[in-house]
Amino acid sequence: YMIREDVKTERRRLTRTKDLNHCQELIHKDIGLAYTEKCVQCQAQGMALKGAVAVNYILKPAATGALLLEATATELLQFSPFNILNGAAQMEAKQLLTYVGISKTPVLPIAAAYIPRGSLQYEFATELLQTPIQLLRITNVEAQIVEVLNHLVTFNVAKVHEDAPLKFVELIQLLRVVSYERIDALWSQYKVKPAYRHWFLNAVPAIGTHVSLKFIKEKFLLDDISVVEAAQALIGSIHM
């Protein structure tokens, strides 16, 4: 904690930082690591996942104590699975809360006995797993799939475009949202176009759900995909 006081403006600034690398009760879940081995030497060199949180509060002295005028929180996470210099993925989250006013109707505290339940811990739910790290703002999923496919085909003809990996991950995550019927409809639309077919057959196995296996099985039985395409897609789907 660090406290600074501005006498002229009658404001007190409180800064609180938290090192996420040394959590006493760390809650984490590893996924997609079925074929990896734990490397003790690598962990001794440095942590693959690092993070820190900083929160700044602006307080104003009041008759009853202090009035919280503003709270700004910033969280930064850095992930470098292969310990590569300057090769880490970073995610930054920010939140700003500003004081507006005081309600005339006070909020009465709940008159009930509080049961001790221990510390607050994150619970892993069944929400869409947006892995790897890239997060998306999904508005019209089908239109976004078509847009990403067009981008991958257009900008990866002569050589691979620099944003191809991110666009490919985006395509995978968008395909995870739609139903099997919509994936089937998109396949019917693009299967006769070799460039689109290539990206589609590479993305479907990475969905990592039963949908990908169902797609590969049905398309193989219908002779929509060749034996080589089915084998390549099936191997990738099982590994995911």
C-alpha atoms as a PDB file:
ATOM      1  CA  TYR A   1       0.000   0.000   0.000  1.00  0.00           C
ATOM      2  CA  MET A   2       1.093   3.566  -0.661  1.00  0.00           C
ATOM      3  CA  ILE A   3      -0.776   6.684   0.492  1.00  0.00           C
ATOM      4  CA  ARG A   4      -0.235  10.185  -0.893  1.00  0.00           C
ATOM      5  CA  GLU A   5      -2.064  13.267   0.322  1.00  0.00           C
ATOM      6  CA  ASP A   6      -2.738  16.422  -1.705  1.00  0.00           C
ATOM      7  CA  VAL A   7      -3.371  19.249   0.739  1.00  0.00           C
ATOM      8  CA  LYS A   8      -4.557  21.753  -1.890  1.00  0.00           C
ATOM      9  CA  THR A   9      -7.282  19.582  -3.386  1.00  0.00           C
ATOM     10  CA  GLU A  10      -8.025  17.736  -0.143  1.00  0.00           C
ATOM     11  CA  ARG A  11      -7.582  14.412  -1.816  1.00  0.00           C
ATOM     12  CA  ARG A  12      -5.868  11.260  -0.669  1.00  0.00           C
ATOM     13  CA  ARG A  13      -4.529   8.795  -3.202  1.00  0.00           C
ATOM     14  CA  LEU A  14      -4.223   5.192  -2.118  1.00  0.00           C
ATOM     15  CA  THR A  15      -2.375   2.704  -4.327  1.00  0.00           C
ATOM     16  CA  ARG A  16      -2.687  -1.016  -3.702  1.00  0.00           C
ATOM     17  CA  THR A  17      -0.705  -3.601  -5.640  1.00  0.00           C
ATOM     18  CA  LYS A  18      -0.986  -7.381  -5.664  1.00  0.00           C
ATOM     19  CA  ASP A  19       1.573  -9.865  -6.943  1.00  0.00           C
ATOM     20  CA  LEU A  20      -0.327 -12.738  -8.557  1.00  0.00           C
ATOM     21  CA  ASN A  21       2.819 -14.860  -8.735  1.00  0.00           C
ATOM     22  CA  HIS A  22       2.702 -15.698  -5.032  1.00  0.00           C
ATOM     23  CA  CYS A  23      -0.952 -16.468  -4.296  1.00  0.00           C
ATOM     24  CA  GLN A  24      -1.561 -18.297  -1.035  1.00  0.00           C
ATOM     25  CA  GLU A  25      -4.599 -20.121  -2.445  1.00  0.00           C
ATOM     26  CA  LEU A  26      -3.949 -20.375  -6.176  1.00  0.00           C
ATOM     27  CA  ILE A  27      -6.867 -21.716  -8.218  1.00  0.00           C
ATOM     28  CA  HIS A  28      -5.825 -22.808 -11.698  1.00  0.00           C
ATOM     29  CA  LYS A  29      -6.715 -25.375 -14.320  1.00  0.00           C
ATOM     30  CA  ASP A  30      -4.474 -26.781 -17.053  1.00  0.00           C
ATOM     31  CA  ILE A  31      -6.149 -27.849 -20.295  1.00  0.00           C
ATOM     32  CA  GLY A  32      -4.816 -29.167 -23.581  1.00  0.00           C
ATOM     33  CA  LEU A  33      -1.631 -30.528 -22.006  1.00  0.00           C
ATOM     34  CA  ALA A  34      -2.194 -34.254 -22.471  1.00  0.00           C
ATOM     35  CA  TYR A  35       1.097 -34.746 -24.317  1.00  0.00           C
ATOM     36  CA  THR A  36       3.328 -32.468 -22.263  1.00  0.00           C
ATOM     37  CA  GLU A  37       5.664 -33.277 -19.412  1.00  0.00           C
ATOM     38  CA  LYS A  38       6.350 -31.195 -16.350  1.00  0.00           C
ATOM     39  CA  CYS A  39       9.771 -29.551 -16.574  1.00  0.00           C
ATOM     40  CA  VAL A  40      11.249 -28.852 -13.137  1.00  0.00           C
ATOM     41  CA  GLN A  41      14.287 -27.083 -14.597  1.00  0.00           C
ATOM     42  CA  CYS A  42      12.082 -24.782 -16.675  1.00  0.00           C
ATOM     43  CA  GLN A  43      10.069 -23.823 -13.596  1.00  0.00           C
ATOM     44  CA  ALA A  44      13.302 -23.065 -11.752  1.00  0.00           C
ATOM     45  CA  GLN A  45      14.303 -20.637 -14.528  1.00  0.00           C
ATOM     46  CA  GLY A  46      11.055 -18.716 -14.336  1.00  0.00           C
ATOM     47  CA  MET A  47       7.280 -18.941 -14.242  1.00  0.00           C
ATOM     48  CA  ALA A  48       5.390 -19.313 -17.507  1.00  0.00           C
ATOM     49  CA  LEU A  49       2.408 -17.309 -16.229  1.00  0.00           C
ATOM     50  CA  LYS A  50       3.001 -14.038 -14.414  1.00  0.00           C
ATOM     51  CA  GLY A  51       0.597 -11.362 -13.323  1.00  0.00           C
ATOM     52  CA  ALA A  52       0.079  -8.279 -11.216  1.00  0.00           C
ATOM     53  CA  VAL A  53      -2.815  -6.051 -10.187  1.00  0.00           C
ATOM     54  CA  ALA A  54      -2.704  -2.363  -9.293  1.00  0.00           C
ATOM     55  CA  VAL A  55      -5.667  -0.432  -7.877  1.00  0.00           C
ATOM     56  CA  ASN A  56      -5.681   3.345  -7.372  1.00  0.00           C
ATOM     57  CA  TYR A  57      -8.231   4.961  -5.057  1.00  0.00           C
ATOM     58  CA  ILE A  58      -9.000   8.678  -4.770  1.00  0.00           C
ATOM     59  CA  LEU A  59     -10.465   9.550  -1.363  1.00  0.00           C
ATOM     60  CA  LYS A  60     -11.933  12.765  -0.001  1.00  0.00           C
ATOM     61  CA  PRO A  61     -12.090  13.405   3.753  1.00  0.00           C
ATOM     62  CA  ALA A  62     -15.647  13.602   5.064  1.00  0.00           C
ATOM     63  CA  ALA A  63     -17.345  14.053   8.410  1.00  0.00           C
ATOM     64  CA  THR A  64     -18.075  10.349   8.671  1.00  0.00           C
ATOM     65  CA  GLY A  65     -14.628   9.233   7.509  1.00  0.00           C
ATOM     66  CA  ALA A  66     -13.670   9.257   3.833  1.00  0.00           C
ATOM     67  CA  LEU A  67     -15.603   9.408   0.568  1.00  0.00           C
ATOM     68  CA  LEU A  68     -14.411   7.198  -2.283  1.00  0.00           C
ATOM     69  CA  LEU A  69     -14.470   9.328  -5.435  1.00  0.00           C
ATOM     70  CA  GLU A  70     -12.740   7.064  -7.929  1.00  0.00           C
ATOM     71  CA  ALA A  71     -11.274   3.576  -8.191  1.00  0.00           C
ATOM     72  CA  THR A  72      -9.117   2.463 -11.117  1.00  0.00           C
ATOM     73  CA  ALA A  73      -7.976  -1.153 -11.400  1.00  0.00           C
ATOM     74  CA  THR A  74      -5.465  -2.568 -13.887  1.00  0.00           C
ATOM     75  CA  GLU A  75      -4.554  -6.244 -14.208  1.00  0.00           C
ATOM     76  CA  LEU A  76      -1.720  -7.460 -16.434  1.00  0.00           C
ATOM     77  CA  LEU A  77      -1.084 -11.131 -17.233  1.00  0.00           C
ATOM     78  CA  GLN A  78       1.933 -12.406 -19.175  1.00  0.00           C
ATOM     79  CA  PHE A  79       2.182 -15.920 -20.599  1.00  0.00           C
ATOM     80  CA  SER A  80       5.433 -17.285 -22.046  1.00  0.00           C
ATOM     81  CA  PRO A  81       5.145 -21.104 -22.249  1.00  0.00           C
ATOM     82  CA  PHE A  82       8.527 -21.605 -23.914  1.00  0.00           C
ATOM     83  CA  ASN A  83      10.552 -19.057 -21.933  1.00  0.00           C
ATOM     84  CA  ILE A  84      11.241 -17.039 -25.094  1.00  0.00           C
ATOM     85  CA  LEU A  85      12.677 -13.544 -24.720  1.00  0.00           C
ATOM     86  CA  ASN A  86      10.096 -10.938 -25.777  1.00  0.00           C
ATOM     87  CA  GLY A  87       7.841 -13.725 -27.002  1.00  0.00           C
ATOM     88  CA  ALA A  88       5.151 -13.612 -24.342  1.00  0.00           C
ATOM     89  CA  ALA A  89       1.446 -13.063 -24.836  1.00  0.00           C
ATOM     90  CA  GLN A  90      -0.020 -10.311 -22.678  1.00  0.00           C
ATOM     91  CA  MET A  91      -3.556  -9.592 -21.565  1.00  0.00           C
ATOM     92  CA  GLU A  92      -4.505  -6.334 -19.869  1.00  0.00           C
ATOM     93  CA  ALA A  93      -7.831  -5.670 -18.162  1.00  0.00           C
ATOM     94  CA  LYS A  94      -8.967  -2.315 -16.791  1.00  0.00           C
ATOM     95  CA  GLN A  95     -11.930  -1.130 -14.762  1.00  0.00           C
ATOM     96  CA  LEU A  96     -12.890   2.402 -13.729  1.00  0.00           C
ATOM     97  CA  LEU A  97     -15.486   3.245 -11.074  1.00  0.00           C
ATOM     98  CA  THR A  98     -16.441   6.892 -10.515  1.00  0.00           C
ATOM     99  CA  TYR A  99     -18.499   8.393  -7.707  1.00  0.00           C
ATOM    100  CA  VAL A 100     -21.778   9.889  -8.968  1.00  0.00           C
ATOM    101  CA  GLY A 101     -23.856  10.624  -5.902  1.00  0.00           C
ATOM    102  CA  ILE A 102     -25.388   9.320  -2.714  1.00  0.00           C
ATOM    103  CA  SER A 103     -28.817   7.741  -2.719  1.00  0.00           C
ATOM    104  CA  LYS A 104     -31.275   9.346  -0.324  1.00  0.00           C
ATOM    105  CA  THR A 105     -32.613   5.946   0.616  1.00  0.00           C
ATOM    106  CA  PRO A 106     -29.928   4.192   2.632  1.00  0.00           C
ATOM    107  CA  VAL A 107     -29.247   0.540   1.975  1.00  0.00           C
ATOM    108  CA  LEU A 108     -30.070  -1.375   5.119  1.00  0.00           C
ATOM    109  CA  PRO A 109     -27.725  -4.199   6.058  1.00  0.00           C
ATOM    110  CA  ILE A 110     -29.117  -7.714   5.910  1.00  0.00           C
ATOM    111  CA  ALA A 111     -30.282  -8.823   9.335  1.00  0.00           C
ATOM    112  CA  ALA A 112     -29.089 -12.407   9.123  1.00  0.00           C
ATOM    113  CA  ALA A 113     -26.365 -14.557  10.543  1.00  0.00           C
ATOM    114  CA  TYR A 114     -23.405 -14.897   8.219  1.00  0.00           C
ATOM    115  CA  ILE A 115     -22.077 -18.429   7.830  1.00  0.00           C
ATOM    116  CA  PRO A 116     -18.302 -18.759   7.517  1.00  0.00           C
ATOM    117  CA  ARG A 117     -17.580 -20.146   4.062  1.00  0.00           C
ATOM    118  CA  GLY A 118     -13.834 -19.605   3.825  1.00  0.00           C
ATOM    119  CA  SER A 119     -12.143 -17.439   1.234  1.00  0.00           C
ATOM    120  CA  LEU A 120     -13.602 -16.427  -2.119  1.00  0.00           C
ATOM    121  CA  GLN A 121     -12.452 -18.760  -4.871  1.00  0.00           C
ATOM    122  CA  TYR A 122     -13.002 -18.791  -8.609  1.00  0.00           C
ATOM    123  CA  GLU A 123     -15.331 -21.530  -9.824  1.00  0.00           C
ATOM    124  CA  PHE A 124     -14.726 -23.006 -13.260  1.00  0.00           C
ATOM    125  CA  ALA A 125     -18.072 -22.920 -15.048  1.00  0.00           C
ATOM    126  CA  THR A 126     -19.188 -24.295 -18.401  1.00  0.00           C
ATOM    127  CA  GLU A 127     -18.758 -21.109 -20.405  1.00  0.00           C
ATOM    128  CA  LEU A 128     -17.155 -21.118 -23.846  1.00  0.00           C
ATOM    129  CA  LEU A 129     -13.448 -21.840 -23.554  1.00  0.00           C
ATOM    130  CA  GLN A 130     -11.799 -19.089 -25.553  1.00  0.00           C
ATOM    131  CA  THR A 131      -8.412 -20.744 -25.781  1.00  0.00           C
ATOM    132  CA  PRO A 132      -5.732 -19.769 -26.499  1.00  0.00           C
ATOM    133  CA  ILE A 133      -5.629 -16.298 -25.040  1.00  0.00           C
ATOM    134  CA  GLN A 134      -7.308 -14.158 -27.711  1.00  0.00           C
ATOM    135  CA  LEU A 135     -10.707 -12.860 -26.560  1.00  0.00           C
ATOM    136  CA  LEU A 136     -13.419 -11.961 -29.072  1.00  0.00           C
ATOM    137  CA  ARG A 137     -16.390  -9.645 -29.168  1.00  0.00           C
ATOM    138  CA  ILE A 138     -19.001 -11.746 -30.957  1.00  0.00           C
ATOM    139  CA  THR A 139     -21.938  -9.879 -32.514  1.00  0.00           C
ATOM    140  CA  ASN A 140     -22.951 -11.833 -35.631  1.00  0.00           C
ATOM    141  CA  VAL A 141     -21.071 -15.114 -35.488  1.00  0.00           C
ATOM    142  CA  GLU A 142     -21.908 -16.369 -38.984  1.00  0.00           C
ATOM    143  CA  ALA A 143     -20.974 -13.084 -40.632  1.00  0.00           C
ATOM    144  CA  GLN A 144     -17.736 -13.018 -38.651  1.00  0.00           C
ATOM    145  CA  ILE A 145     -16.858 -16.563 -39.773  1.00  0.00           C
ATOM    146  CA  VAL A 146     -17.335 -15.579 -43.423  1.00  0.00           C
ATOM    147  CA  GLU A 147     -15.278 -12.427 -42.892  1.00  0.00           C
ATOM    148  CA  VAL A 148     -12.377 -14.323 -41.296  1.00  0.00           C
ATOM    149  CA  LEU A 149     -12.425 -16.994 -44.011  1.00  0.00           C
ATOM    150  CA  ASN A 150     -12.301 -14.328 -46.711  1.00  0.00           C
ATOM    151  CA  HIS A 151      -9.409 -12.641 -44.929  1.00  0.00           C
ATOM    152  CA  LEU A 152      -7.401 -15.865 -44.605  1.00  0.00           C
ATOM    153  CA  VAL A 153      -7.922 -16.785 -48.251  1.00  0.00           C
ATOM    154  CA  THR A 154      -7.246 -13.299 -49.612  1.00  0.00           C
ATOM    155  CA  PHE A 155      -4.104 -12.429 -47.661  1.00  0.00           C
ATOM    156  CA  ASN A 156      -2.347 -15.819 -47.635  1.00  0.00           C
ATOM    157  CA  VAL A 157      -1.896 -16.533 -51.336  1.00  0.00           C
ATOM    158  CA  ALA A 158       1.719 -15.628 -52.136  1.00  0.00           C
ATOM    159  CA  LYS A 159       3.000 -15.909 -48.569  1.00  0.00           C
ATOM    160  CA  VAL A 160       1.625 -16.232 -45.066  1.00  0.00           C
ATOM    161  CA  HIS A 161       0.347 -12.919 -43.710  1.00  0.00           C
ATOM    162  CA  GLU A 162       1.588 -11.754 -40.318  1.00  0.00           C
ATOM    163  CA  ASP A 163      -1.878 -11.837 -38.755  1.00  0.00           C
ATOM    164  CA  ALA A 164      -2.746 -15.308 -40.098  1.00  0.00           C
ATOM    165  CA  PRO A 165      -2.193 -17.084 -36.726  1.00  0.00           C
ATOM    166  CA  LEU A 166      -4.523 -14.696 -34.886  1.00  0.00           C
ATOM    167  CA  LYS A 167      -7.155 -14.905 -37.610  1.00  0.00           C
ATOM    168  CA  PHE A 168      -6.972 -18.694 -37.591  1.00  0.00           C
ATOM    169  CA  VAL A 169      -7.469 -18.777 -33.806  1.00  0.00           C
ATOM    170  CA  GLU A 170     -10.389 -16.386 -34.250  1.00  0.00           C
ATOM    171  CA  LEU A 171     -11.935 -18.738 -36.806  1.00  0.00           C
ATOM    172  CA  ILE A 172     -11.623 -21.674 -34.401  1.00  0.00           C
ATOM    173  CA  GLN A 173     -13.289 -19.795 -31.567  1.00  0.00           C
ATOM    174  CA  LEU A 174     -16.130 -18.611 -33.792  1.00  0.00           C
ATOM    175  CA  LEU A 175     -16.769 -22.164 -35.000  1.00  0.00           C
ATOM    176  CA  ARG A 176     -17.040 -23.257 -31.368  1.00  0.00           C
ATOM    177  CA  VAL A 177     -20.035 -20.969 -30.917  1.00  0.00           C
ATOM    178  CA  VAL A 178     -22.232 -22.071 -33.818  1.00  0.00           C
ATOM    179  CA  SER A 179     -24.205 -25.297 -34.016  1.00  0.00           C
ATOM    180  CA  TYR A 180     -23.348 -28.304 -36.152  1.00  0.00           C
ATOM    181  CA  GLU A 181     -26.108 -27.388 -38.602  1.00  0.00           C
ATOM    182  CA  ARG A 182     -24.577 -23.976 -39.252  1.00  0.00           C
ATOM    183  CA  ILE A 183     -21.111 -25.485 -39.714  1.00  0.00           C
ATOM    184  CA  ASP A 184     -22.617 -27.952 -42.189  1.00  0.00           C
ATOM    185  CA  ALA A 185     -24.277 -25.100 -44.091  1.00  0.00           C
ATOM    186  CA  LEU A 186     -21.003 -23.167 -44.280  1.00  0.00           C
ATOM    187  CA  TRP A 187     -19.207 -26.299 -45.477  1.00  0.00           C
ATOM    188  CA  SER A 188     -21.762 -26.772 -48.262  1.00  0.00           C
ATOM    189  CA  GLN A 189     -21.127 -23.188 -49.314  1.00  0.00           C
ATOM    190  CA  TYR A 190     -17.321 -23.374 -49.440  1.00  0.00           C
ATOM    191  CA  LYS A 191     -16.386 -27.042 -50.016  1.00  0.00           C
ATOM    192  CA  VAL A 192     -16.002 -26.584 -53.791  1.00  0.00           C
ATOM    193  CA  LYS A 193     -13.510 -23.746 -53.311  1.00  0.00           C
ATOM    194  CA  PRO A 194     -10.051 -25.273 -52.638  1.00  0.00           C
ATOM    195  CA  ALA A 195      -8.625 -22.315 -50.702  1.00  0.00           C
ATOM    196  CA  TYR A 196     -11.651 -22.067 -48.385  1.00  0.00           C
ATOM    197  CA  ARG A 197     -11.805 -25.849 -48.076  1.00  0.00           C
ATOM    198  CA  HIS A 198      -8.192 -25.911 -46.857  1.00  0.00           C
ATOM    199  CA  TRP A 199      -8.764 -23.422 -44.020  1.00  0.00           C
ATOM    200  CA  PHE A 200     -12.103 -24.982 -43.086  1.00  0.00           C
ATOM    201  CA  LEU A 201     -10.729 -28.514 -42.759  1.00  0.00           C
ATOM    202  CA  ASN A 202      -7.826 -27.257 -40.658  1.00  0.00           C
ATOM    203  CA  ALA A 203     -10.063 -25.276 -38.302  1.00  0.00           C
ATOM    204  CA  VAL A 204     -12.836 -27.820 -37.659  1.00  0.00           C
ATOM    205  CA  PRO A 205     -10.630 -30.394 -35.816  1.00  0.00           C
ATOM    206  CA  ALA A 206      -9.381 -27.648 -33.494  1.00  0.00           C
ATOM    207  CA  ILE A 207     -12.920 -26.985 -32.243  1.00  0.00           C
ATOM    208  CA  GLY A 208     -12.201 -29.690 -29.704  1.00  0.00           C
ATOM    209  CA  THR A 209     -15.776 -30.912 -29.163  1.00  0.00           C
ATOM    210  CA  HIS A 210     -17.995 -33.751 -30.376  1.00  0.00           C
ATOM    211  CA  VAL A 211     -19.075 -31.486 -33.229  1.00  0.00           C
ATOM    212  CA  SER A 212     -15.723 -31.852 -34.967  1.00  0.00           C
ATOM    213  CA  LEU A 213     -15.803 -35.659 -34.736  1.00  0.00           C
ATOM    214  CA  LYS A 214     -19.382 -35.753 -36.014  1.00  0.00           C
ATOM    215  CA  PHE A 215     -18.468 -33.491 -38.917  1.00  0.00           C
ATOM    216  CA  ILE A 216     -15.469 -35.617 -39.957  1.00  0.00           C
ATOM    217  CA  LYS A 217     -17.419 -38.875 -39.673  1.00  0.00           C
ATOM    218  CA  GLU A 218     -20.438 -37.733 -41.664  1.00  0.00           C
ATOM    219  CA  LYS A 219     -18.434 -36.009 -44.391  1.00  0.00           C
ATOM    220  CA  PHE A 220     -16.238 -39.067 -44.818  1.00  0.00           C
ATOM    221  CA  LEU A 221     -19.243 -41.391 -45.097  1.00  0.00           C
ATOM    222  CA  LEU A 222     -20.761 -39.044 -47.681  1.00  0.00           C
ATOM    223  CA  ASP A 223     -17.460 -38.962 -49.631  1.00  0.00           C
ATOM    224  CA  ASP A 224     -17.289 -35.193 -49.145  1.00  0.00           C
ATOM    225  CA  ILE A 225     -13.702 -35.516 -47.942  1.00  0.00           C
ATOM    226  CA  SER A 226     -10.947 -37.844 -49.082  1.00  0.00           C
ATOM    227  CA  VAL A 227      -9.238 -40.526 -47.005  1.00  0.00           C
ATOM    228  CA  VAL A 228      -6.172 -38.312 -46.572  1.00  0.00           C
ATOM    229  CA  GLU A 229      -8.281 -35.328 -45.491  1.00  0.00           C
ATOM    230  CA  ALA A 230     -10.273 -37.483 -43.074  1.00  0.00           C
ATOM    231  CA  ALA A 231      -7.138 -39.006 -41.540  1.00  0.00           C
ATOM    232  CA  GLN A 232      -5.480 -35.632 -41.070  1.00  0.00           C
ATOM    233  CA  ALA A 233      -8.625 -34.088 -39.581  1.00  0.00           C
ATOM    234  CA  LEU A 234      -9.300 -37.082 -37.334  1.00  0.00           C
ATOM    235  CA  ILE A 235      -5.782 -37.074 -35.874  1.00  0.00           C
ATOM    236  CA  GLY A 236      -6.022 -33.367 -35.127  1.00  0.00           C
ATOM    237  CA  SER A 237      -9.495 -33.719 -33.616  1.00  0.00           C
ATOM    238  CA  ILE A 238      -8.480 -36.564 -31.283  1.00  0.00           C
ATOM    239  CA  HIS A 239      -5.452 -34.630 -30.049  1.00  0.00           C
ATOM    240  CA  MET A 240      -7.649 -31.652 -29.184  1.00  0.00           C
END
